Amino acid sequence: MEDSYQLFIEMNTRDEVSWTALLTGYAQFGKANETIDLFERMLAIGLKPDGVTIIGVLSACSRAGLVEKGLQYFESMITEHGIILIPDQYTCIIDLLCRAGRLEEARIFINKMPCHPNVVGWATLLSSCGIHGDMEIGKWAADSLIELEPQNPATYVLLSSLYAAKGKWNEVAQLRRGMRDKRVKKEPGYSWIKYQGKVHVFSTDD
């Protein structure tokens, strides 16, 4: 990123595209402070952010746990910059709240969204519910995911793990029967090692 920043500094003209490219690069490498600093500088010189810019900024806030700042930026995109938001930006807020364990706020946010979350948004919520042991919201997220992707085994596995953690073994058995009835197959996990110049692959079925 140092080389990218040096090239950016040496540019004769730096427009919204170049600022956003550097900003998203910092965000992808988890450099939250640098991302936010660039964003603030971009605004200070009167450049207008776009949808890609806000995804980079919100992702940086999410990774750094800067929930309030992320929510503030999100709101400003609508009220100050007039950006028409797409599902990806809403997913960033779901991720922001879920990483902080603020699952009830995530549910309220989803219910107020003008569109339904995409698969990534629901999966983010379900995964976070598994981490924090929230059965009620987790079931809601799983049901929504199953409606979108009924043949995706990952949803059933995550929900089954959530049930098991709560000791709800009847629900685990019922869920597995449902998978069999729907012919949903869990793909085995794979790992591999390189030994004496050859790659050896193993599955969980081995």
Protein backbone atom coordinates (compact mmCIF):
# COMPACT_ATOMS: atom_id res chain seq x y z
CA MET A 1 0.00 0.00 0.00
CA GLU A 2 2.97 2.31 0.52
CA ASP A 3 3.77 2.17 -3.20
CA SER A 4 0.15 2.86 -4.08
CA TYR A 5 0.08 5.86 -1.78
CA GLN A 6 3.30 7.20 -3.29
CA LEU A 7 1.85 6.91 -6.80
CA PHE A 8 -1.28 8.65 -5.58
CA ILE A 9 0.75 11.54 -4.17
CA GLU A 10 2.70 11.89 -7.41
CA MET A 11 -0.43 12.14 -9.57
CA ASN A 12 -1.00 15.55 -11.15
CA THR A 13 -4.76 15.18 -10.92
CA ARG A 14 -6.55 13.20 -8.24
CA ASP A 15 -10.26 12.73 -8.85
CA GLU A 16 -12.98 10.76 -7.07
CA VAL A 17 -11.89 7.55 -8.81
CA SER A 18 -8.28 7.73 -7.65
CA TRP A 19 -9.26 8.67 -4.09
CA THR A 20 -11.78 5.83 -3.94
CA ALA A 21 -9.29 3.31 -5.39
CA LEU A 22 -6.73 4.10 -2.67
CA LEU A 23 -9.38 4.22 0.03
CA THR A 24 -10.82 0.81 -0.85
CA GLY A 25 -7.30 -0.61 -1.00
CA TYR A 26 -6.63 0.48 2.56
CA ALA A 27 -10.02 -0.90 3.62
CA GLN A 28 -9.30 -4.31 2.09
CA PHE A 29 -6.04 -4.51 4.03
CA GLY A 30 -7.83 -3.68 7.27
CA LYS A 31 -6.25 -0.26 7.66
CA ALA A 32 -9.26 1.48 9.19
CA ASN A 33 -7.56 4.66 10.36
CA GLU A 34 -5.96 5.28 6.96
CA THR A 35 -9.28 4.60 5.21
CA ILE A 36 -11.20 7.02 7.39
CA ASP A 37 -8.47 9.67 7.15
CA LEU A 38 -8.57 9.52 3.35
CA PHE A 39 -12.33 9.72 3.35
CA GLU A 40 -12.34 12.79 5.57
CA ARG A 41 -9.68 14.44 3.39
CA MET A 42 -11.69 13.59 0.30
CA LEU A 43 -14.76 15.30 1.73
CA ALA A 44 -12.73 18.27 2.94
CA ILE A 45 -11.63 19.18 -0.59
CA GLY A 46 -15.18 18.94 -1.89
CA LEU A 47 -15.09 15.60 -3.71
CA LYS A 48 -18.31 13.60 -3.77
CA PRO A 49 -18.21 9.98 -2.61
CA ASP A 50 -20.09 7.27 -4.47
CA GLY A 51 -21.46 3.86 -3.62
CA VAL A 52 -18.06 2.17 -3.89
CA THR A 53 -16.52 4.74 -1.56
CA ILE A 54 -19.08 4.15 1.15
CA ILE A 55 -18.63 0.36 0.99
CA GLY A 56 -14.91 0.84 1.61
CA VAL A 57 -15.49 3.21 4.51
CA LEU A 58 -18.18 1.07 6.14
CA SER A 59 -16.05 -2.06 5.77
CA ALA A 60 -13.18 -0.29 7.53
CA CYS A 61 -15.46 0.85 10.35
CA SER A 62 -16.82 -2.67 10.70
CA ARG A 63 -13.38 -4.28 11.01
CA ALA A 64 -12.25 -1.65 13.52
CA GLY A 65 -15.41 -1.84 15.61
CA LEU A 66 -16.27 1.81 14.95
CA VAL A 67 -20.01 1.26 15.01
CA GLU A 68 -21.21 4.78 15.74
CA LYS A 69 -18.90 6.33 13.17
CA GLY A 70 -20.04 3.80 10.58
CA LEU A 71 -23.70 4.54 11.28
CA GLN A 72 -22.97 8.25 11.03
CA TYR A 73 -21.29 7.84 7.65
CA PHE A 74 -24.14 5.67 6.41
CA GLU A 75 -26.73 8.27 7.36
CA SER A 76 -24.69 11.05 5.75
CA MET A 77 -24.64 9.19 2.45
CA ILE A 78 -28.41 9.58 2.28
CA THR A 79 -28.97 12.98 3.87
CA GLU A 80 -25.88 14.88 2.70
CA HIS A 81 -24.66 13.18 -0.47
CA GLY A 82 -27.90 11.87 -1.93
CA ILE A 83 -26.51 8.44 -2.74
CA ILE A 84 -29.08 5.86 -3.81
CA LEU A 85 -28.18 2.87 -1.69
CA ILE A 86 -28.02 -0.70 -2.95
CA PRO A 87 -28.17 -4.00 -0.98
CA ASP A 88 -24.38 -4.16 -0.65
CA GLN A 89 -24.31 -0.99 1.43
CA TYR A 90 -27.10 -2.22 3.67
CA THR A 91 -25.16 -5.47 4.10
CA CYS A 92 -22.19 -3.44 5.35
CA ILE A 93 -24.35 -2.05 8.17
CA ILE A 94 -25.62 -5.53 9.04
CA ASP A 95 -22.00 -6.66 9.26
CA LEU A 96 -21.07 -3.57 11.29
CA LEU A 97 -23.74 -4.30 13.91
CA CYS A 98 -23.22 -8.07 13.92
CA ARG A 99 -19.47 -7.84 14.49
CA ALA A 100 -20.21 -5.72 17.55
CA GLY A 101 -22.76 -8.25 18.81
CA ARG A 102 -25.60 -5.76 18.45
CA LEU A 103 -27.98 -8.31 16.98
CA GLU A 104 -31.25 -6.72 18.09
CA GLU A 105 -30.19 -3.48 16.43
CA ALA A 106 -29.35 -5.47 13.30
CA ARG A 107 -32.85 -6.96 13.33
CA ILE A 108 -34.44 -3.52 13.72
CA PHE A 109 -32.26 -2.17 10.92
CA ILE A 110 -33.27 -5.04 8.60
CA ASN A 111 -36.95 -4.52 9.32
CA LYS A 112 -36.60 -0.86 8.35
CA MET A 113 -34.71 -1.53 5.13
CA PRO A 114 -36.50 -0.61 1.90
CA CYS A 115 -35.30 -3.90 0.38
CA HIS A 116 -34.76 -7.41 1.66
CA PRO A 117 -31.22 -8.40 2.66
CA ASN A 118 -29.28 -10.47 0.18
CA VAL A 119 -27.82 -13.89 0.96
CA VAL A 120 -24.63 -12.38 2.39
CA GLY A 121 -26.61 -10.16 4.76
CA TRP A 122 -28.69 -13.03 6.15
CA ALA A 123 -25.65 -15.32 6.39
CA THR A 124 -23.75 -12.64 8.30
CA LEU A 125 -26.59 -12.35 10.78
CA LEU A 126 -26.96 -16.11 11.19
CA SER A 127 -23.23 -16.61 11.71
CA SER A 128 -23.15 -13.88 14.35
CA CYS A 129 -26.13 -15.43 16.11
CA GLY A 130 -24.15 -18.66 16.33
CA ILE A 131 -21.26 -16.81 17.95
CA HIS A 132 -23.47 -14.96 20.44
CA GLY A 133 -26.00 -17.74 21.00
CA ASP A 134 -29.08 -15.82 19.88
CA MET A 135 -31.58 -18.54 19.01
CA GLU A 136 -34.54 -16.33 18.15
CA ILE A 137 -32.83 -14.04 15.65
CA GLY A 138 -30.74 -16.94 14.33
CA LYS A 139 -33.86 -18.93 13.47
CA TRP A 140 -35.32 -15.89 11.70
CA ALA A 141 -32.13 -15.45 9.67
CA ALA A 142 -31.95 -19.16 8.83
CA ASP A 143 -35.57 -19.30 7.68
CA SER A 144 -34.95 -16.30 5.42
CA LEU A 145 -31.81 -17.92 4.00
CA ILE A 146 -33.57 -21.22 3.35
CA GLU A 147 -36.27 -19.33 1.48
CA LEU A 148 -33.58 -17.78 -0.75
CA GLU A 149 -31.34 -20.83 -1.11
CA PRO A 150 -33.21 -23.97 -0.04
CA GLN A 151 -30.44 -26.29 -1.27
CA ASN A 152 -27.53 -24.56 0.47
CA PRO A 153 -26.31 -26.94 3.20
CA ALA A 154 -24.35 -24.23 5.04
CA THR A 155 -27.54 -22.70 6.43
CA TYR A 156 -28.73 -26.01 7.87
CA VAL A 157 -25.30 -26.68 9.38
CA LEU A 158 -25.16 -23.27 11.09
CA LEU A 159 -28.69 -23.60 12.43
CA SER A 160 -28.01 -27.15 13.59
CA SER A 161 -24.94 -25.94 15.48
CA LEU A 162 -27.01 -23.22 17.11
CA TYR A 163 -29.63 -25.76 18.20
CA ALA A 164 -26.94 -28.11 19.52
CA ALA A 165 -25.28 -25.35 21.55
CA LYS A 166 -28.64 -24.78 23.27
CA GLY A 167 -29.16 -28.51 23.83
CA LYS A 168 -32.16 -28.64 21.50
CA TRP A 169 -31.46 -32.12 20.16
CA ASN A 170 -35.01 -32.76 18.95
CA GLU A 171 -34.72 -29.70 16.73
CA VAL A 172 -31.33 -30.92 15.48
CA ALA A 173 -32.83 -34.29 14.53
CA GLN A 174 -35.83 -32.62 12.87
CA LEU A 175 -33.56 -30.33 10.88
CA ARG A 176 -31.49 -33.27 9.66
CA ARG A 177 -34.63 -35.12 8.62
CA GLY A 178 -35.69 -32.03 6.73
CA MET A 179 -32.35 -32.00 4.92
CA ARG A 180 -32.83 -35.63 3.90
CA ASP A 181 -36.39 -35.00 2.74
CA LYS A 182 -35.24 -32.05 0.63
CA ARG A 183 -32.18 -34.00 -0.53
CA VAL A 184 -29.83 -31.33 0.74
CA LYS A 185 -26.34 -32.79 0.87
CA LYS A 186 -23.56 -31.47 3.06
CA GLU A 187 -20.37 -31.38 1.04
CA PRO A 188 -17.42 -32.94 2.89
CA GLY A 189 -14.61 -30.65 4.00
CA TYR A 190 -11.24 -31.09 2.32
CA SER A 191 -7.65 -30.55 3.38
CA TRP A 192 -4.41 -31.27 1.60
CA ILE A 193 -0.71 -31.71 2.29
CA LYS A 194 2.31 -31.77 0.04
CA TYR A 195 4.63 -34.71 0.68
CA GLN A 196 7.63 -35.74 -1.40
CA GLY A 197 6.59 -33.50 -4.26
CA LYS A 198 3.01 -34.80 -4.44
CA VAL A 199 -0.21 -33.22 -3.21
CA HIS A 200 -2.40 -35.56 -1.15
CA VAL A 201 -6.06 -34.60 -0.64
CA PHE A 202 -8.18 -35.85 2.27
CA SER A 203 -11.89 -35.38 2.93
CA THR A 204 -13.79 -35.67 6.20
CA ASP A 205 -15.27 -38.88 4.80
CA ASP A 206 -11.82 -40.55 4.69
